[in-house]
Protein backbone atom coordinates (compact mmCIF):
# COMPACT_ATOMS: atom_id res chain seq x y z
CA UNK A 1 181.47 53.05 42.68
CA UNK A 2 183.55 55.14 44.84
CA UNK A 3 181.98 56.58 47.98
CA UNK A 4 181.38 60.72 47.61
CA UNK A 5 184.58 62.53 48.69
CA UNK A 6 184.42 64.41 52.17
CA UNK A 7 186.59 67.58 51.57
CA UNK A 8 188.11 69.82 54.17
CA UNK A 9 186.09 72.93 55.65
CA UNK A 10 185.99 75.97 53.11
CA UNK A 11 186.86 78.58 55.77
CA UNK A 12 187.86 76.84 59.20
CA UNK A 13 188.13 80.17 61.03
CA UNK A 14 184.60 81.22 60.47
CA UNK A 15 183.05 77.78 59.80
CA UNK A 16 184.06 76.53 63.69
CA UNK A 17 183.55 79.87 65.48
CA UNK A 18 180.90 79.99 68.12
CA UNK A 19 177.66 81.03 66.76
CA UNK A 20 177.21 83.82 69.13
CA UNK A 21 180.75 85.09 68.81
CA UNK A 22 180.22 85.28 64.88
CA UNK A 23 176.86 87.30 65.40
CA UNK A 24 178.80 89.55 67.78
CA UNK A 25 181.50 90.12 65.00
CA UNK A 26 178.88 90.73 62.42
CA UNK A 27 177.11 93.39 64.68
CA UNK A 28 180.39 95.32 64.82
CA UNK A 29 180.74 95.13 60.94
CA UNK A 30 177.32 96.14 60.68
CA UNK A 31 178.02 99.48 62.13
CA UNK A 32 179.89 100.56 58.86
CA UNK A 33 177.02 99.45 56.76
CA UNK A 34 174.56 101.43 58.80
CA UNK A 35 176.85 104.52 58.63
CA UNK A 36 176.93 104.20 54.81
CA UNK A 37 173.10 103.77 54.66
CA UNK A 38 172.52 106.95 56.51
CA UNK A 39 174.39 108.90 53.79
CA UNK A 40 171.73 107.44 51.20
CA UNK A 41 168.68 109.62 51.05
CA UNK A 42 166.17 106.78 50.53
CA UNK A 43 167.80 104.62 53.38
CA UNK A 44 168.16 107.57 55.74
CA UNK A 45 164.50 108.16 55.66
CA UNK A 46 163.84 104.31 56.05
CA UNK A 47 166.16 104.02 59.16
CA UNK A 48 164.89 107.19 60.80
CA UNK A 49 166.54 107.72 64.26
CA UNK A 50 167.48 104.17 64.56
CA UNK A 51 171.12 103.63 65.78
CA UNK A 52 173.63 101.27 64.64
CA UNK A 53 172.59 98.05 66.55
CA UNK A 54 174.96 96.91 69.32
CA UNK A 55 173.14 93.79 70.18
CA UNK A 56 170.78 91.22 68.51
CA UNK A 57 167.72 92.70 70.70
CA UNK A 58 168.70 96.31 69.27
CA UNK A 59 168.68 94.88 65.74
CA UNK A 60 165.39 93.37 66.30
CA UNK A 61 163.99 97.07 66.53
CA UNK A 62 164.95 97.90 63.06
CA UNK A 63 162.06 97.71 60.50
CA UNK A 64 161.75 94.78 58.11
CA UNK A 65 162.56 95.07 54.49
CA UNK A 66 160.02 93.20 52.36
CA UNK A 67 159.77 91.84 48.87
CA UNK A 68 157.26 94.43 48.20
CA UNK A 69 159.76 97.00 49.25
CA UNK A 70 162.38 96.01 46.85
CA UNK A 71 159.86 95.82 44.07
CA UNK A 72 158.51 99.12 44.77
CA UNK A 73 162.04 100.63 44.88
CA UNK A 74 162.46 99.53 41.20
CA UNK A 75 159.18 100.88 39.77
CA UNK A 76 160.99 104.06 39.04
CA UNK A 77 164.53 104.04 37.70
CA UNK A 78 167.02 106.51 36.17
CA UNK A 79 170.04 106.07 34.03
CA UNK A 80 172.12 106.82 37.09
CA UNK A 81 170.16 104.48 39.27
CA UNK A 82 168.98 101.62 36.80
CA UNK A 83 168.51 99.31 39.78
CA UNK A 84 166.20 101.82 41.53
CA UNK A 85 166.09 103.67 44.64
CA UNK A 86 168.10 101.32 46.74
CA UNK A 87 171.23 101.37 44.57
CA UNK A 88 173.93 102.36 46.81
CA UNK A 89 176.81 102.64 44.15
CA UNK A 90 177.39 104.60 40.99
CA UNK A 91 176.53 102.25 38.02
CA UNK A 92 180.21 102.50 36.63
CA UNK A 93 181.05 100.39 39.85
CA UNK A 94 178.75 97.52 39.10
CA UNK A 95 180.35 94.56 37.60
CA UNK A 96 177.36 92.01 37.63
CA UNK A 97 173.76 92.24 37.59
CA UNK A 98 171.43 89.19 38.65
CA UNK A 99 167.69 88.70 39.30
CA UNK A 100 165.55 86.87 41.59
CA UNK A 101 163.31 84.03 40.06
CA UNK A 102 160.05 85.96 39.90
CA UNK A 103 158.08 82.97 41.01
CA UNK A 104 155.76 85.04 43.37
CA UNK A 105 155.71 88.26 41.30
CA UNK A 106 157.86 90.57 39.14
CA UNK A 107 161.72 89.57 39.45
CA UNK A 108 163.76 92.06 41.35
CA UNK A 109 167.31 93.08 39.96
CA UNK A 110 170.50 93.41 41.96
CA UNK A 111 173.93 94.58 41.09
CA UNK A 112 177.29 93.66 42.33
CA UNK A 113 180.57 95.34 42.67
CA UNK A 114 183.80 93.61 42.29
CA UNK A 115 184.00 93.14 45.98
CA UNK A 116 180.43 92.02 46.19
CA UNK A 117 180.94 89.46 43.29
CA UNK A 118 184.04 88.13 45.18
CA UNK A 119 182.06 87.84 48.65
CA UNK A 120 179.32 85.88 46.66
CA UNK A 121 181.73 83.74 44.97
CA UNK A 122 183.48 82.79 48.31
CA UNK A 123 180.08 82.23 50.23
CA UNK A 124 178.55 80.18 47.60
CA UNK A 125 181.73 78.06 47.18
CA UNK A 126 181.49 77.58 51.07
CA UNK A 127 177.99 76.18 50.52
CA UNK A 128 178.79 73.78 47.73
CA UNK A 129 181.92 72.44 49.67
CA UNK A 130 179.80 71.98 52.56
CA UNK A 131 177.45 70.13 50.14
CA UNK A 132 179.98 67.77 48.46
CA UNK A 133 181.81 69.71 45.92
CA UNK A 134 185.62 69.97 45.64
CA UNK A 135 188.62 69.07 43.20
CA UNK A 136 188.10 65.83 41.38
CA UNK A 137 184.18 66.22 41.15
CA UNK A 138 182.45 67.09 38.04
CA UNK A 139 179.33 68.93 38.68
CA UNK A 140 176.27 69.12 36.24
CA UNK A 141 174.34 72.16 36.64
CA UNK A 142 170.73 71.79 35.43
CA UNK A 143 169.61 75.53 35.68
CA UNK A 144 168.63 76.97 32.38
CA UNK A 145 169.01 80.76 33.08
CA UNK A 146 172.26 82.43 33.54
CA UNK A 147 170.93 85.70 35.24
CA UNK A 148 168.92 84.12 38.03
CA UNK A 149 170.44 83.22 41.45
CA UNK A 150 170.83 79.63 40.49
CA UNK A 151 172.42 80.45 37.19
CA UNK A 152 175.99 82.29 36.91
CA UNK A 153 176.41 82.81 40.74
CA UNK A 154 175.91 79.05 41.27
CA UNK A 155 178.29 78.28 38.45
CA UNK A 156 180.88 80.79 39.79
CA UNK A 157 180.68 79.06 43.16
CA UNK A 158 180.80 75.37 41.85
CA UNK A 159 184.18 76.57 40.32
CA UNK A 160 185.53 78.54 43.16
CA UNK A 161 184.80 75.49 45.39
CA UNK A 162 187.13 73.30 43.23
CA UNK A 163 184.61 71.44 41.07
CA UNK A 164 184.68 70.99 37.12
CA UNK A 165 181.51 72.85 35.93
CA UNK A 166 179.36 71.02 33.42
CA UNK A 167 176.66 73.52 32.85
CA UNK A 168 174.10 71.25 30.83
CA UNK A 169 171.00 73.20 31.69
CA UNK A 170 168.63 75.13 29.03
CA UNK A 171 168.98 72.41 26.62
CA UNK A 172 166.73 69.67 25.25
CA UNK A 173 166.23 66.74 27.36
CA UNK A 174 168.23 64.53 24.88
CA UNK A 175 171.31 66.81 25.02
CA UNK A 176 171.08 67.30 28.81
CA UNK A 177 171.24 63.48 29.33
CA UNK A 178 173.97 63.27 26.77
CA UNK A 179 175.94 65.88 28.77
CA UNK A 180 175.24 63.81 31.86
CA UNK A 181 176.91 60.46 30.25
CA UNK A 182 179.81 62.29 28.10
CA UNK A 183 181.00 64.25 31.06
CA UNK A 184 180.64 61.38 33.64
CA UNK A 185 179.33 64.04 36.28
CA UNK A 186 179.76 62.74 39.55
CA UNK A 187 177.67 65.60 41.17
CA UNK A 188 174.05 66.73 39.95
CA UNK A 189 172.68 70.08 41.04
CA UNK A 190 169.02 70.24 40.62
CA UNK A 191 165.40 71.10 42.45
CA UNK A 192 164.40 68.02 44.40
CA UNK A 193 161.36 67.50 42.11
CA UNK A 194 163.57 67.83 38.93
CA UNK A 195 166.29 65.57 40.10
CA UNK A 196 163.78 62.47 40.06
CA UNK A 197 162.21 63.59 37.03
CA UNK A 198 165.52 63.96 35.15
CA UNK A 199 166.65 60.64 36.25
CA UNK A 200 163.39 59.25 34.23
CA UNK A 201 164.10 61.44 31.45
CA UNK A 202 167.99 60.19 31.20
CA UNK A 203 166.83 56.68 31.37
CA UNK A 204 164.74 57.40 28.10
CA UNK A 205 167.18 59.12 26.31
CA UNK A 206 170.04 57.16 26.98
CA UNK A 207 168.46 53.75 26.91
CA UNK A 208 169.94 52.69 30.27
CA UNK A 209 168.93 53.37 34.12
CA UNK A 210 170.28 56.68 35.30
CA UNK A 211 171.80 54.69 38.33
CA UNK A 212 174.33 53.23 35.68
CA UNK A 213 175.81 57.07 35.34
CA UNK A 214 178.56 58.37 37.51
CA UNK A 215 176.45 60.52 39.88
CA UNK A 216 177.29 59.88 43.44
CA UNK A 217 175.91 63.12 45.06
CA UNK A 218 172.82 65.02 44.43
CA UNK A 219 172.60 68.49 45.56
CA UNK A 220 168.77 69.68 45.70
CA UNK A 221 167.71 73.26 46.25
CA UNK A 222 165.39 75.88 45.02
CA UNK A 223 162.50 74.39 46.84
CA UNK A 224 161.86 72.48 50.29
CA UNK A 225 161.90 68.70 49.84
CA UNK A 226 165.21 67.08 49.83
CA UNK A 227 165.02 66.71 53.48
CA UNK A 228 161.90 64.64 53.25
CA UNK A 229 162.82 60.86 53.84
CA UNK A 230 160.66 59.55 50.91
CA UNK A 231 161.82 62.12 48.65
CA UNK A 232 165.48 61.65 49.46
CA UNK A 233 165.26 58.03 49.28
CA UNK A 234 163.60 58.33 45.73
CA UNK A 235 166.45 60.48 44.41
CA UNK A 236 169.16 58.19 45.76
CA UNK A 237 167.51 55.08 44.15
CA UNK A 238 166.93 57.07 40.95
CA UNK A 239 170.55 57.92 40.39
CA UNK A 240 172.23 55.17 42.28
CA UNK A 241 173.68 57.86 44.37
CA UNK A 242 175.40 57.89 47.96
CA UNK A 243 174.42 61.17 49.12
CA UNK A 244 171.68 63.89 48.91
CA UNK A 245 172.65 67.32 49.99
CA UNK A 246 170.03 69.96 50.51
CA UNK A 247 170.98 73.54 49.68
CA UNK A 248 169.20 76.78 50.16
CA UNK A 249 169.42 80.61 49.55
CA UNK A 250 167.68 83.84 48.22
CA UNK A 251 168.57 85.76 45.17
CA UNK A 252 167.56 88.85 47.26
CA UNK A 253 170.34 88.21 49.90
CA UNK A 254 172.73 85.66 48.77
CA UNK A 255 171.96 82.54 46.29
CA UNK A 256 173.39 79.76 48.74
CA UNK A 257 173.32 80.47 52.32
CA UNK A 258 172.58 77.00 53.80
CA UNK A 259 173.83 73.53 52.87
CA UNK A 260 173.82 69.95 54.27
CA UNK A 261 177.36 68.40 55.09
CA UNK A 262 178.00 64.61 54.74
CA UNK A 263 176.35 64.04 58.12
CA UNK A 264 173.05 64.58 56.57
CA UNK A 265 171.27 65.97 59.53
CA UNK A 266 170.18 69.23 58.09
CA UNK A 267 171.55 72.60 56.49
CA UNK A 268 174.44 74.56 57.91
CA UNK A 269 174.41 78.35 57.68
CA UNK A 270 177.34 78.99 55.24
CA UNK A 271 176.98 82.59 54.39
CA UNK A 272 178.63 84.31 57.65
CA UNK A 273 180.36 86.57 58.00
CA UNK A 274 178.80 88.27 54.98
CA UNK A 275 174.95 87.55 56.11
CA UNK A 276 173.60 87.95 59.43
CA UNK A 277 170.49 85.77 60.22
CA UNK A 278 167.91 85.97 62.80
CA UNK A 279 165.04 83.46 63.72
CA UNK A 280 161.78 85.25 64.63
CA UNK A 281 158.24 84.43 65.24
CA UNK A 282 156.38 85.40 62.05
CA UNK A 283 153.52 86.99 63.56
CA UNK A 284 155.01 88.89 66.64
CA UNK A 285 158.65 89.27 65.31
CA UNK A 286 159.99 88.08 68.68
CA UNK A 287 163.28 86.56 68.48
CA UNK A 288 163.52 82.77 68.76
CA UNK A 289 166.60 81.18 70.19
CA UNK A 290 168.70 78.83 67.84
CA UNK A 291 167.87 75.79 69.91
CA UNK A 292 166.93 72.29 68.73
CA UNK A 293 163.23 72.05 68.28
CA UNK A 294 162.83 75.88 67.84
CA UNK A 295 160.88 76.92 64.54
CA UNK A 296 160.60 80.61 63.24
CA UNK A 297 161.07 82.84 60.11
CA UNK A 298 164.54 83.65 58.61
CA UNK A 299 165.38 87.23 58.68
CA UNK A 300 168.49 88.21 56.81
CA UNK A 301 170.72 91.39 56.67
CA UNK A 302 173.77 91.74 54.43
CA UNK A 303 176.67 92.74 56.65
CA UNK A 304 179.00 94.03 53.78
CA UNK A 305 177.26 94.43 50.49
CA UNK A 306 178.35 97.56 48.69
CA UNK A 307 175.79 97.79 45.80
CA UNK A 308 172.36 96.85 47.10
CA UNK A 309 172.18 96.38 50.75
CA UNK A 310 169.23 94.69 52.40
CA UNK A 311 168.44 95.12 56.13
CA UNK A 312 166.32 92.57 58.13
CA UNK A 313 164.78 91.15 54.87
CA UNK A 314 161.76 89.03 55.53
CA UNK A 315 162.33 85.52 53.61
CA UNK A 316 159.00 84.00 54.38
CA UNK A 317 161.06 80.83 55.04
CA UNK A 318 160.02 78.92 57.97
CA UNK A 319 163.06 77.00 59.48
CA UNK A 320 163.04 74.10 62.10
CA UNK A 321 166.18 73.89 64.01
CA UNK A 322 167.69 70.55 64.22
CA UNK A 323 170.89 70.69 66.18
CA UNK A 324 173.51 72.93 67.50
CA UNK A 325 176.43 70.53 67.19
CA UNK A 326 177.73 68.38 64.15
CA UNK A 327 180.37 65.85 63.86
CA UNK A 328 181.62 67.65 60.69
CA UNK A 329 182.88 70.27 62.95
CA UNK A 330 180.73 73.33 61.81
CA UNK A 331 179.39 75.15 64.69
CA UNK A 332 176.44 77.01 62.95
CA UNK A 333 172.69 75.54 63.70
CA UNK A 334 171.47 72.81 61.34
CA UNK A 335 168.05 73.39 59.93
CA UNK A 336 165.58 72.17 57.78
CA UNK A 337 163.11 74.46 55.84
CA UNK A 338 159.42 73.35 56.57
CA UNK A 339 157.62 75.64 54.35
CA UNK A 340 156.93 79.39 53.72
CA UNK A 341 154.85 81.72 55.80
CA UNK A 342 153.29 83.09 52.41
CA UNK A 343 152.47 79.53 51.21
CA UNK A 344 150.22 79.04 54.28
CA UNK A 345 146.77 77.93 53.48
CA UNK A 346 143.71 77.83 55.96
CA UNK A 347 141.15 75.08 56.01
CA UNK A 348 138.26 76.45 57.81
CA UNK A 349 140.08 77.41 61.16
CA UNK A 350 143.18 75.58 60.60
CA UNK A 351 146.48 76.95 59.09
CA UNK A 352 148.67 74.13 57.15
CA UNK A 353 151.63 74.30 54.93
CA UNK A 354 151.45 72.45 51.59
CA UNK A 355 154.78 70.98 52.50
CA UNK A 356 153.28 69.46 55.62
CA UNK A 357 150.54 67.82 53.41
CA UNK A 358 153.04 66.54 50.94
CA UNK A 359 155.34 64.95 53.67
CA UNK A 360 152.22 63.14 55.22
CA UNK A 361 150.90 62.02 51.94
CA UNK A 362 154.23 60.53 50.90
CA UNK A 363 154.81 59.00 54.23
CA UNK A 364 151.49 56.94 54.01
CA UNK A 365 151.38 56.42 50.22
CA UNK A 366 154.75 57.27 48.79
CA UNK A 367 155.45 53.81 47.21
CA UNK A 368 152.74 54.35 44.98
CA UNK A 369 153.40 58.04 43.82
CA UNK A 370 156.28 59.84 42.16
CA UNK A 371 156.40 62.46 44.63
CA UNK A 372 155.01 65.40 42.43
CA UNK A 373 151.99 66.87 43.62
CA UNK A 374 150.16 70.49 43.99
CA UNK A 375 147.01 72.03 45.78
CA UNK A 376 144.84 73.49 43.10
CA UNK A 377 143.55 77.04 43.94
CA UNK A 378 140.64 79.07 42.38
CA UNK A 379 142.56 82.27 42.20
CA UNK A 380 146.03 83.52 43.10
CA UNK A 381 145.04 85.09 46.24
CA UNK A 382 142.99 82.28 47.56
CA UNK A 383 144.31 81.05 51.02
CA UNK A 384 141.00 79.88 52.80
CA UNK A 385 139.16 76.70 51.80
CA UNK A 386 135.77 75.60 53.11
CA UNK A 387 135.86 72.53 51.20
CA UNK A 388 138.60 69.84 51.47
CA UNK A 389 141.76 71.17 49.55
CA UNK A 390 142.06 69.81 45.89
CA UNK A 391 145.30 67.79 46.08
CA UNK A 392 146.53 66.58 42.57
CA UNK A 393 149.12 63.60 43.10
CA UNK A 394 151.08 61.96 40.41
CA UNK A 395 150.97 58.06 40.27
CA UNK A 396 153.88 55.85 39.78
CA UNK A 397 151.78 52.97 38.60
CA UNK A 398 148.45 52.21 37.03
CA UNK A 399 145.42 54.10 38.40
CA UNK A 400 143.11 51.01 38.78
CA UNK A 401 145.41 49.41 41.34
CA UNK A 402 143.41 48.49 44.21
CA UNK A 403 146.20 49.09 46.75
CA UNK A 404 146.97 52.30 45.25
CA UNK A 405 143.27 53.44 46.06
CA UNK A 406 143.39 52.14 49.44
CA UNK A 407 146.75 54.03 50.11
CA UNK A 408 145.38 57.19 48.87
CA UNK A 409 142.31 56.96 51.16
CA UNK A 410 144.64 56.25 54.08
CA UNK A 411 146.70 59.24 53.18
CA UNK A 412 143.65 61.48 53.05
CA UNK A 413 142.72 60.24 56.64
CA UNK A 414 146.22 60.61 57.90
CA UNK A 415 146.29 64.27 56.99
CA UNK A 416 142.94 64.64 58.61
CA UNK A 417 144.06 63.14 61.91
CA UNK A 418 147.81 64.63 61.90
CA UNK A 419 147.12 68.00 60.39
CA UNK A 420 143.49 68.52 61.30
CA UNK A 421 142.61 69.47 57.70
CA UNK A 422 140.74 67.53 54.98
CA UNK A 423 142.10 67.05 51.31
CA UNK A 424 140.59 65.34 48.44
CA UNK A 425 143.34 63.54 46.61
CA UNK A 426 143.01 63.49 42.88
CA UNK A 427 145.28 60.97 41.18
CA UNK A 428 147.05 61.79 37.88
CA UNK A 429 148.73 59.70 35.41
CA UNK A 430 152.70 59.86 35.58
CA UNK A 431 154.19 62.73 33.60
CA UNK A 432 151.06 64.75 33.91
CA UNK A 433 152.02 67.33 36.43
CA UNK A 434 154.59 69.77 35.09
CA UNK A 435 158.17 69.85 36.65
CA UNK A 436 160.34 72.63 35.98
CA UNK A 437 164.39 72.68 36.11
CA UNK A 438 164.37 75.71 38.41
CA UNK A 439 161.55 75.97 41.02
CA UNK A 440 158.29 74.25 41.54
CA UNK A 441 155.33 75.23 43.44
CA UNK A 442 153.11 73.04 45.68
CA UNK A 443 150.27 75.28 44.54
CA UNK A 444 148.69 76.54 41.24
CA UNK A 445 145.93 78.41 40.01
CA UNK A 446 143.29 76.69 37.94
CA UNK A 447 143.04 78.29 34.44
């Protein structure tokens, strides 16, 4: 099998521009957006006396937009404003409507004008080009729903990047597996959890190991995980692939904004100049510099969107900055997503991300597990735990293996030592924990 292709930069002029200079240019372009927002009654009230920001410090003084704000704006709609109070253009100017996934509540709808749709295609193409899609690659897209961010927008971006789209999602496992074989797809696009699960399904349906198929690159997004060494290794081995590229975005802002290049040391920001991103401390809101070792929440502002602009949108994604320079030539910071601030759990007085628990458990006992796991909650709003967090894990082998029991006990102790929280690991047989082809949560509510 030949090695995955390494393609030229999608937009050399912006991909190699100094990060600080890019942000300065975005601030200049943002003035036009603020002028347009002030001509809109609802946005005029939201912005109040706030002037057009001329620096990142001034932008930090502008109020956040939250998911709740977006949902509230769509509680009442009219025939003139079917997308709610934040709709900025007349309906006849809309060319596409898409929605968020709705995994944390009612989905939010967004409209795109012709210009918006073109900007999305180009920006998403940049993400996919960065992740390894270009001419000569056949790309299997496993998303089953066209209207969500990972549906038609991803399909458009893949084609724009030069890939041949094989949209196999939304079918039975048998037909999806058959599509992988017949199209000889060289790139698989899936969530990190579904990528490994689908390899198993392909083996069952095709009667041969998924590593015998043509996949050389797996692009994993929709949930954190592809950057975890054990999960990455499992995906590579399952498909016999040579590259895993992590990809991340938000339907509320732009479906693909971060993507991992062939160097494999984190995701680059690929959505500039259309999207401006800040890094802030989640609690205080203070700006965090984009320097290696820094962590903070990503805050997004649409610089040029005509239809449904968002200003300083709280993503709740907690990013860790890995580096500022990369051998690929891109100049945006490279990051990993370490969790979501709204997924934070509290064991007694200690805060912990479910992703952090997963990473420790996999590091200690990963060879005995499939990688699928979840924390069980008693109610949707439960955040605090006085007893050890119940952690269901899926076994890769028999439950009565003495070595597996010892490894899980060691994992419990490692979580206690490293994270200062206690978990109670509950082993489950392989195939018991549900795996979606779109997004998977590391917590669930007992029914």
